[in-house]
PDB file of all heavy atoms in Angstrom:
ATOM      1  N   TRP A   1      92.073  79.958  80.447  1.00  0.00           N
ATOM      2  CA  TRP A   1      91.590  80.171  81.811  1.00  0.00           C
ATOM      3  C   TRP A   1      91.121  78.861  82.418  1.00  0.00           C
ATOM      4  O   TRP A   1      90.524  78.030  81.736  1.00  0.00           O
ATOM      5  CB  TRP A   1      90.404  81.138  81.817  1.00  0.00           C
ATOM      6  CG  TRP A   1      90.730  82.554  81.509  1.00  0.00           C
ATOM      7  CD1 TRP A   1      90.603  83.186  80.309  1.00  0.00           C
ATOM      8  CD2 TRP A   1      91.217  83.534  82.423  1.00  0.00           C
ATOM      9  NE1 TRP A   1      91.001  84.492  80.417  1.00  0.00           N
ATOM     10  CE2 TRP A   1      91.374  84.744  81.704  1.00  0.00           C
ATOM     11  CE3 TRP A   1      91.544  83.504  83.782  1.00  0.00           C
ATOM     12  CZ2 TRP A   1      91.843  85.907  82.304  1.00  0.00           C
ATOM     13  CZ3 TRP A   1      92.010  84.669  84.373  1.00  0.00           C
ATOM     14  CH2 TRP A   1      92.150  85.850  83.637  1.00  0.00           C
ATOM     15  N   LEU A   2      91.351  78.698  83.699  1.00  0.00           N
ATOM     16  CA  LEU A   2      90.657  77.683  84.471  1.00  0.00           C
ATOM     17  C   LEU A   2      89.539  78.389  85.217  1.00  0.00           C
ATOM     18  O   LEU A   2      89.796  79.265  86.055  1.00  0.00           O
ATOM     19  CB  LEU A   2      91.593  76.996  85.466  1.00  0.00           C
ATOM     20  CG  LEU A   2      90.905  76.051  86.458  1.00  0.00           C
ATOM     21  CD1 LEU A   2      90.209  74.918  85.724  1.00  0.00           C
ATOM     22  CD2 LEU A   2      91.895  75.508  87.477  1.00  0.00           C
ATOM     23  N   LEU A   3      88.287  78.023  84.907  1.00  0.00           N
ATOM     24  CA  LEU A   3      87.121  78.611  85.560  1.00  0.00           C
ATOM     25  C   LEU A   3      86.549  77.592  86.539  1.00  0.00           C
ATOM     26  O   LEU A   3      86.256  76.455  86.159  1.00  0.00           O
ATOM     27  CB  LEU A   3      86.064  79.004  84.525  1.00  0.00           C
ATOM     28  CG  LEU A   3      86.527  79.958  83.411  1.00  0.00           C
ATOM     29  CD1 LEU A   3      85.357  80.300  82.493  1.00  0.00           C
ATOM     30  CD2 LEU A   3      87.149  81.221  83.989  1.00  0.00           C
ATOM     31  N   LEU A   4      86.388  78.010  87.780  1.00  0.00           N
ATOM     32  CA  LEU A   4      85.911  77.119  88.840  1.00  0.00           C
ATOM     33  C   LEU A   4      84.446  77.411  89.118  1.00  0.00           C
ATOM     34  O   LEU A   4      84.103  78.453  89.685  1.00  0.00           O
ATOM     35  CB  LEU A   4      86.755  77.318  90.099  1.00  0.00           C
ATOM     36  CG  LEU A   4      86.444  76.386  91.273  1.00  0.00           C
ATOM     37  CD1 LEU A   4      86.670  74.929  90.890  1.00  0.00           C
ATOM     38  CD2 LEU A   4      87.289  76.768  92.491  1.00  0.00           C
ATOM     39  N   ARG A   5      83.584  76.483  88.709  1.00  0.00           N
ATOM     40  CA  ARG A   5      82.152  76.651  88.926  1.00  0.00           C
ATOM     41  C   ARG A   5      81.762  76.035  90.263  1.00  0.00           C
ATOM     42  O   ARG A   5      81.940  74.838  90.496  1.00  0.00           O
ATOM     43  CB  ARG A   5      81.352  75.983  87.807  1.00  0.00           C
ATOM     44  CG  ARG A   5      79.909  76.474  87.796  1.00  0.00           C
ATOM     45  CD  ARG A   5      78.891  75.372  87.758  1.00  0.00           C
ATOM     46  NE  ARG A   5      77.641  75.867  88.324  1.00  0.00           N
ATOM     47  CZ  ARG A   5      76.596  75.098  88.572  1.00  0.00           C
ATOM     48  NH1 ARG A   5      76.625  73.829  88.308  1.00  0.00           N
ATOM     49  NH2 ARG A   5      75.508  75.621  89.106  1.00  0.00           N
ATOM     50  N   THR A   6      81.299  76.875  91.182  1.00  0.00           N
ATOM     51  CA  THR A   6      80.955  76.437  92.532  1.00  0.00           C
ATOM     52  C   THR A   6      79.471  76.617  92.851  1.00  0.00           C
ATOM     53  O   THR A   6      79.011  76.161  93.894  1.00  0.00           O
ATOM     54  CB  THR A   6      81.759  77.237  93.566  1.00  0.00           C
ATOM     55  OG1 THR A   6      81.494  78.647  93.372  1.00  0.00           O
ATOM     56  CG2 THR A   6      83.251  76.979  93.413  1.00  0.00           C
ATOM     57  N   GLY A   7      78.731  77.308  91.990  1.00  0.00           N
ATOM     58  CA  GLY A   7      77.343  77.639  92.272  1.00  0.00           C
ATOM     59  C   GLY A   7      77.195  78.845  93.177  1.00  0.00           C
ATOM     60  O   GLY A   7      76.079  79.221  93.559  1.00  0.00           O
ATOM     61  N   TRP A   8      78.328  79.497  93.511  1.00  0.00           N
ATOM     62  CA  TRP A   8      78.295  80.606  94.465  1.00  0.00           C
ATOM     63  C   TRP A   8      77.611  81.843  93.893  1.00  0.00           C
ATOM     64  O   TRP A   8      77.163  82.714  94.641  1.00  0.00           O
ATOM     65  CB  TRP A   8      79.707  80.953  94.924  1.00  0.00           C
ATOM     66  CG  TRP A   8      79.747  81.455  96.329  1.00  0.00           C
ATOM     67  CD1 TRP A   8      79.886  82.752  96.737  1.00  0.00           C
ATOM     68  CD2 TRP A   8      79.621  80.679  97.527  1.00  0.00           C
ATOM     69  NE1 TRP A   8      79.870  82.826  98.108  1.00  0.00           N
ATOM     70  CE2 TRP A   8      79.701  81.563  98.624  1.00  0.00           C
ATOM     71  CE3 TRP A   8      79.452  79.315  97.773  1.00  0.00           C
ATOM     72  CZ2 TRP A   8      79.616  81.136  99.936  1.00  0.00           C
ATOM     73  CZ3 TRP A   8      79.373  78.877  99.094  1.00  0.00           C
ATOM     74  CH2 TRP A   8      79.454  79.780 100.155  1.00  0.00           C
ATOM     75  N   ASP A   9      77.487  81.947  92.589  1.00  0.00           N
ATOM     76  CA  ASP A   9      76.819  83.114  91.999  1.00  0.00           C
ATOM     77  C   ASP A   9      75.352  83.193  92.406  1.00  0.00           C
ATOM     78  O   ASP A   9      74.748  84.263  92.347  1.00  0.00           O
ATOM     79  CB  ASP A   9      76.960  83.118  90.475  1.00  0.00           C
ATOM     80  CG  ASP A   9      76.415  81.874  89.811  1.00  0.00           C
ATOM     81  OD1 ASP A   9      76.355  80.817  90.461  1.00  0.00           O
ATOM     82  OD2 ASP A   9      76.054  81.949  88.621  1.00  0.00           O
ATOM     83  N   ALA A  10      74.757  82.080  92.842  1.00  0.00           N
ATOM     84  CA  ALA A  10      73.369  82.108  93.310  1.00  0.00           C
ATOM     85  C   ALA A  10      73.210  82.974  94.558  1.00  0.00           C
ATOM     86  O   ALA A  10      72.098  83.413  94.879  1.00  0.00           O
ATOM     87  CB  ALA A  10      72.880  80.695  93.591  1.00  0.00           C
ATOM     88  N   ARG A  11      74.300  83.256  95.242  1.00  0.00           N
ATOM     89  CA  ARG A  11      74.265  84.061  96.464  1.00  0.00           C
ATOM     90  C   ARG A  11      74.549  85.540  96.212  1.00  0.00           C
ATOM     91  O   ARG A  11      74.566  86.339  97.150  1.00  0.00           O
ATOM     92  CB  ARG A  11      75.312  83.539  97.459  1.00  0.00           C
ATOM     93  CG  ARG A  11      75.103  82.114  97.941  1.00  0.00           C
ATOM     94  CD  ARG A  11      76.317  81.628  98.702  1.00  0.00           C
ATOM     95  NE  ARG A  11      76.153  80.328  99.326  1.00  0.00           N
ATOM     96  CZ  ARG A  11      75.999  80.128 100.636  1.00  0.00           C
ATOM     97  NH1 ARG A  11      76.006  81.156 101.472  1.00  0.00           N
ATOM     98  NH2 ARG A  11      75.863  78.917 101.128  1.00  0.00           N
ATOM     99  N   SER A  12      74.807  85.922  94.983  1.00  0.00           N
ATOM    100  CA  SER A  12      75.362  87.244  94.699  1.00  0.00           C
ATOM    101  C   SER A  12      74.392  88.392  94.932  1.00  0.00           C
ATOM    102  O   SER A  12      74.801  89.554  94.896  1.00  0.00           O
ATOM    103  CB  SER A  12      75.872  87.301  93.252  1.00  0.00           C
ATOM    104  OG  SER A  12      74.813  87.122  92.330  1.00  0.00           O
ATOM    105  N   GLY A  13      73.126  88.100  95.179  1.00  0.00           N
ATOM    106  CA  GLY A  13      72.171  89.170  95.446  1.00  0.00           C
ATOM    107  C   GLY A  13      72.153  89.640  96.880  1.00  0.00           C
ATOM    108  O   GLY A  13      71.430  90.586  97.218  1.00  0.00           O
ATOM    109  N   ASP A  14      72.958  89.022  97.747  1.00  0.00           N
ATOM    110  CA  ASP A  14      72.930  89.352  99.175  1.00  0.00           C
ATOM    111  C   ASP A  14      74.353  89.367  99.728  1.00  0.00           C
ATOM    112  O   ASP A  14      75.064  88.365  99.648  1.00  0.00           O
ATOM    113  CB  ASP A  14      72.074  88.323  99.922  1.00  0.00           C
ATOM    114  CG  ASP A  14      71.919  88.652 101.390  1.00  0.00           C
ATOM    115  OD1 ASP A  14      72.817  88.283 102.172  1.00  0.00           O
ATOM    116  OD2 ASP A  14      70.905  89.266 101.764  1.00  0.00           O
ATOM    117  N   GLN A  15      74.755  90.500 100.276  1.00  0.00           N
ATOM    118  CA  GLN A  15      76.119  90.659 100.793  1.00  0.00           C
ATOM    119  C   GLN A  15      76.458  89.601 101.845  1.00  0.00           C
ATOM    120  O   GLN A  15      77.523  88.983 101.795  1.00  0.00           O
ATOM    121  CB  GLN A  15      76.281  92.062 101.387  1.00  0.00           C
ATOM    122  CG  GLN A  15      77.553  92.303 102.167  1.00  0.00           C
ATOM    123  CD  GLN A  15      78.741  92.699 101.309  1.00  0.00           C
ATOM    124  OE1 GLN A  15      78.597  93.019 100.150  1.00  0.00           O
ATOM    125  NE2 GLN A  15      79.921  92.665 101.902  1.00  0.00           N
ATOM    126  N   GLN A  16      75.570  89.362 102.803  1.00  0.00           N
ATOM    127  CA  GLN A  16      75.870  88.432 103.883  1.00  0.00           C
ATOM    128  C   GLN A  16      75.965  87.002 103.375  1.00  0.00           C
ATOM    129  O   GLN A  16      76.874  86.256 103.758  1.00  0.00           O
ATOM    130  CB  GLN A  16      74.819  88.541 104.984  1.00  0.00           C
ATOM    131  CG  GLN A  16      74.894  89.850 105.768  1.00  0.00           C
ATOM    132  CD  GLN A  16      73.938  89.878 106.946  1.00  0.00           C
ATOM    133  OE1 GLN A  16      72.947  89.149 106.981  1.00  0.00           O
ATOM    134  NE2 GLN A  16      74.232  90.728 107.915  1.00  0.00           N
ATOM    135  N   GLU A  17      75.036  86.599 102.525  1.00  0.00           N
ATOM    136  CA  GLU A  17      75.083  85.241 101.982  1.00  0.00           C
ATOM    137  C   GLU A  17      76.307  85.048 101.102  1.00  0.00           C
ATOM    138  O   GLU A  17      76.901  83.967 101.074  1.00  0.00           O
ATOM    139  CB  GLU A  17      73.815  84.943 101.177  1.00  0.00           C
ATOM    140  CG  GLU A  17      72.583  84.691 102.012  1.00  0.00           C
ATOM    141  CD  GLU A  17      71.446  84.141 101.188  1.00  0.00           C
ATOM    142  OE1 GLU A  17      71.677  83.767 100.014  1.00  0.00           O
ATOM    143  OE2 GLU A  17      70.323  84.079 101.710  1.00  0.00           O
ATOM    144  N   PHE A  18      76.695  86.099 100.393  1.00  0.00           N
ATOM    145  CA  PHE A  18      77.818  85.991  99.467  1.00  0.00           C
ATOM    146  C   PHE A  18      79.135  85.841 100.221  1.00  0.00           C
ATOM    147  O   PHE A  18      79.968  85.009  99.867  1.00  0.00           O
ATOM    148  CB  PHE A  18      77.864  87.224  98.562  1.00  0.00           C
ATOM    149  CG  PHE A  18      78.722  87.054  97.343  1.00  0.00           C
ATOM    150  CD1 PHE A  18      78.375  86.168  96.340  1.00  0.00           C
ATOM    151  CD2 PHE A  18      79.878  87.799  97.180  1.00  0.00           C
ATOM    152  CE1 PHE A  18      79.166  86.013  95.210  1.00  0.00           C
ATOM    153  CE2 PHE A  18      80.670  87.660  96.062  1.00  0.00           C
ATOM    154  CZ  PHE A  18      80.315  86.762  95.074  1.00  0.00           C
ATOM    155  N   LEU A  19      79.323  86.617 101.269  1.00  0.00           N
ATOM    156  CA  LEU A  19      80.557  86.509 102.058  1.00  0.00           C
ATOM    157  C   LEU A  19      80.517  85.324 103.017  1.00  0.00           C
ATOM    158  O   LEU A  19      81.562  84.775 103.363  1.00  0.00           O
ATOM    159  CB  LEU A  19      80.813  87.805 102.825  1.00  0.00           C
ATOM    160  CG  LEU A  19      81.044  89.057 101.979  1.00  0.00           C
ATOM    161  CD1 LEU A  19      81.436  90.229 102.870  1.00  0.00           C
ATOM    162  CD2 LEU A  19      82.095  88.837 100.905  1.00  0.00           C
ATOM    163  N   ASN A  20      79.313  84.955 103.470  1.00  0.00           N
ATOM    164  CA  ASN A  20      79.101  83.754 104.296  1.00  0.00           C
ATOM    165  C   ASN A  20      80.073  83.710 105.477  1.00  0.00           C
ATOM    166  O   ASN A  20      80.792  82.730 105.697  1.00  0.00           O
ATOM    167  CB  ASN A  20      79.251  82.490 103.438  1.00  0.00           C
ATOM    168  CG  ASN A  20      78.651  81.264 104.110  1.00  0.00           C
ATOM    169  OD1 ASN A  20      77.629  81.352 104.778  1.00  0.00           O
ATOM    170  ND2 ASN A  20      79.284  80.124 103.936  1.00  0.00           N
ATOM    171  N   ALA A  21      80.072  84.786 106.250  1.00  0.00           N
ATOM    172  CA  ALA A  21      81.016  84.906 107.371  1.00  0.00           C
ATOM    173  C   ALA A  21      80.306  84.689 108.708  1.00  0.00           C
ATOM    174  O   ALA A  21      79.130  85.016 108.875  1.00  0.00           O
ATOM    175  CB  ALA A  21      81.665  86.276 107.350  1.00  0.00           C
ATOM    176  N   ASN A  22      81.053  84.124 109.652  1.00  0.00           N
ATOM    177  CA  ASN A  22      80.597  84.033 111.037  1.00  0.00           C
ATOM    178  C   ASN A  22      81.742  84.428 111.958  1.00  0.00           C
ATOM    179  O   ASN A  22      82.700  85.071 111.512  1.00  0.00           O
ATOM    180  CB  ASN A  22      80.054  82.629 111.347  1.00  0.00           C
ATOM    181  CG  ASN A  22      81.090  81.534 111.148  1.00  0.00           C
ATOM    182  OD1 ASN A  22      82.300  81.797 111.143  1.00  0.00           O
ATOM    183  ND2 ASN A  22      80.636  80.294 110.994  1.00  0.00           N
ATOM    184  N   GLU A  23      81.673  84.037 113.209  1.00  0.00           N
ATOM    185  CA  GLU A  23      82.700  84.460 114.160  1.00  0.00           C
ATOM    186  C   GLU A  23      84.085  83.897 113.830  1.00  0.00           C
ATOM    187  O   GLU A  23      85.097  84.416 114.312  1.00  0.00           O
ATOM    188  CB  GLU A  23      82.300  84.057 115.586  1.00  0.00           C
ATOM    189  CG  GLU A  23      82.212  82.565 115.849  1.00  0.00           C
ATOM    190  CD  GLU A  23      80.895  81.946 115.367  1.00  0.00           C
ATOM    191  OE1 GLU A  23      80.045  82.706 114.835  1.00  0.00           O
ATOM    192  OE2 GLU A  23      80.744  80.726 115.523  1.00  0.00           O
ATOM    193  N   THR A  24      84.143  82.862 112.994  1.00  0.00           N
ATOM    194  CA  THR A  24      85.441  82.293 112.618  1.00  0.00           C
ATOM    195  C   THR A  24      85.954  82.850 111.296  1.00  0.00           C
ATOM    196  O   THR A  24      87.041  82.472 110.846  1.00  0.00           O
ATOM    197  CB  THR A  24      85.348  80.757 112.516  1.00  0.00           C
ATOM    198  OG1 THR A  24      84.439  80.398 111.464  1.00  0.00           O
ATOM    199  CG2 THR A  24      84.867  80.160 113.834  1.00  0.00           C
ATOM    200  N   GLY A  25      85.176  83.722 110.682  1.00  0.00           N
ATOM    201  CA  GLY A  25      85.594  84.308 109.412  1.00  0.00           C
ATOM    202  C   GLY A  25      84.713  83.857 108.257  1.00  0.00           C
ATOM    203  O   GLY A  25      83.738  83.129 108.455  1.00  0.00           O
ATOM    204  N   PRO A  26      85.053  84.265 107.023  1.00  0.00           N
ATOM    205  CA  PRO A  26      84.252  83.885 105.863  1.00  0.00           C
ATOM    206  C   PRO A  26      84.448  82.418 105.499  1.00  0.00           C
ATOM    207  O   PRO A  26      85.529  81.850 105.694  1.00  0.00           O
ATOM    208  CB  PRO A  26      84.764  84.807 104.750  1.00  0.00           C
ATOM    209  CG  PRO A  26      86.121  85.214 105.188  1.00  0.00           C
ATOM    210  CD  PRO A  26      86.136  85.199 106.677  1.00  0.00           C
ATOM    211  N   HIS A  27      83.380  81.829 104.966  1.00  0.00           N
ATOM    212  CA  HIS A  27      83.411  80.428 104.536  1.00  0.00           C
ATOM    213  C   HIS A  27      82.943  80.356 103.094  1.00  0.00           C
ATOM    214  O   HIS A  27      81.750  80.281 102.802  1.00  0.00           O
ATOM    215  CB  HIS A  27      82.537  79.574 105.457  1.00  0.00           C
ATOM    216  CG  HIS A  27      83.026  79.548 106.871  1.00  0.00           C
ATOM    217  ND1 HIS A  27      83.968  78.651 107.313  1.00  0.00           N
ATOM    218  CD2 HIS A  27      82.743  80.358 107.933  1.00  0.00           C
ATOM    219  CE1 HIS A  27      84.233  78.873 108.590  1.00  0.00           C
ATOM    220  NE2 HIS A  27      83.503  79.912 108.991  1.00  0.00           N
ATOM    221  N   THR A  28      83.908  80.409 102.195  1.00  0.00           N
ATOM    222  CA  THR A  28      83.636  80.334 100.768  1.00  0.00           C
ATOM    223  C   THR A  28      84.654  79.399 100.123  1.00  0.00           C
ATOM    224  O   THR A  28      85.772  79.264 100.613  1.00  0.00           O
ATOM    225  CB  THR A  28      83.721  81.720 100.101  1.00  0.00           C
ATOM    226  OG1 THR A  28      85.037  82.260 100.276  1.00  0.00           O
ATOM    227  CG2 THR A  28      82.706  82.685 100.697  1.00  0.00           C
ATOM    228  N   PRO A  29      84.278  78.752  99.016  1.00  0.00           N
ATOM    229  CA  PRO A  29      85.171  77.768  98.398  1.00  0.00           C
ATOM    230  C   PRO A  29      86.331  78.415  97.665  1.00  0.00           C
ATOM    231  O   PRO A  29      86.323  79.613  97.370  1.00  0.00           O
ATOM    232  CB  PRO A  29      84.243  77.037  97.424  1.00  0.00           C
ATOM    233  CG  PRO A  29      83.198  78.051  97.081  1.00  0.00           C
ATOM    234  CD  PRO A  29      82.984  78.849  98.333  1.00  0.00           C
TER     235      PRO A  29
END
């Protein structure tokens, strides 16, 4: 496997922070 560590799991307790979306769409790595 190639596992990509981005630190995004720190946001996993909140739907909005996890999807990180605005009027242009979601912004995630």
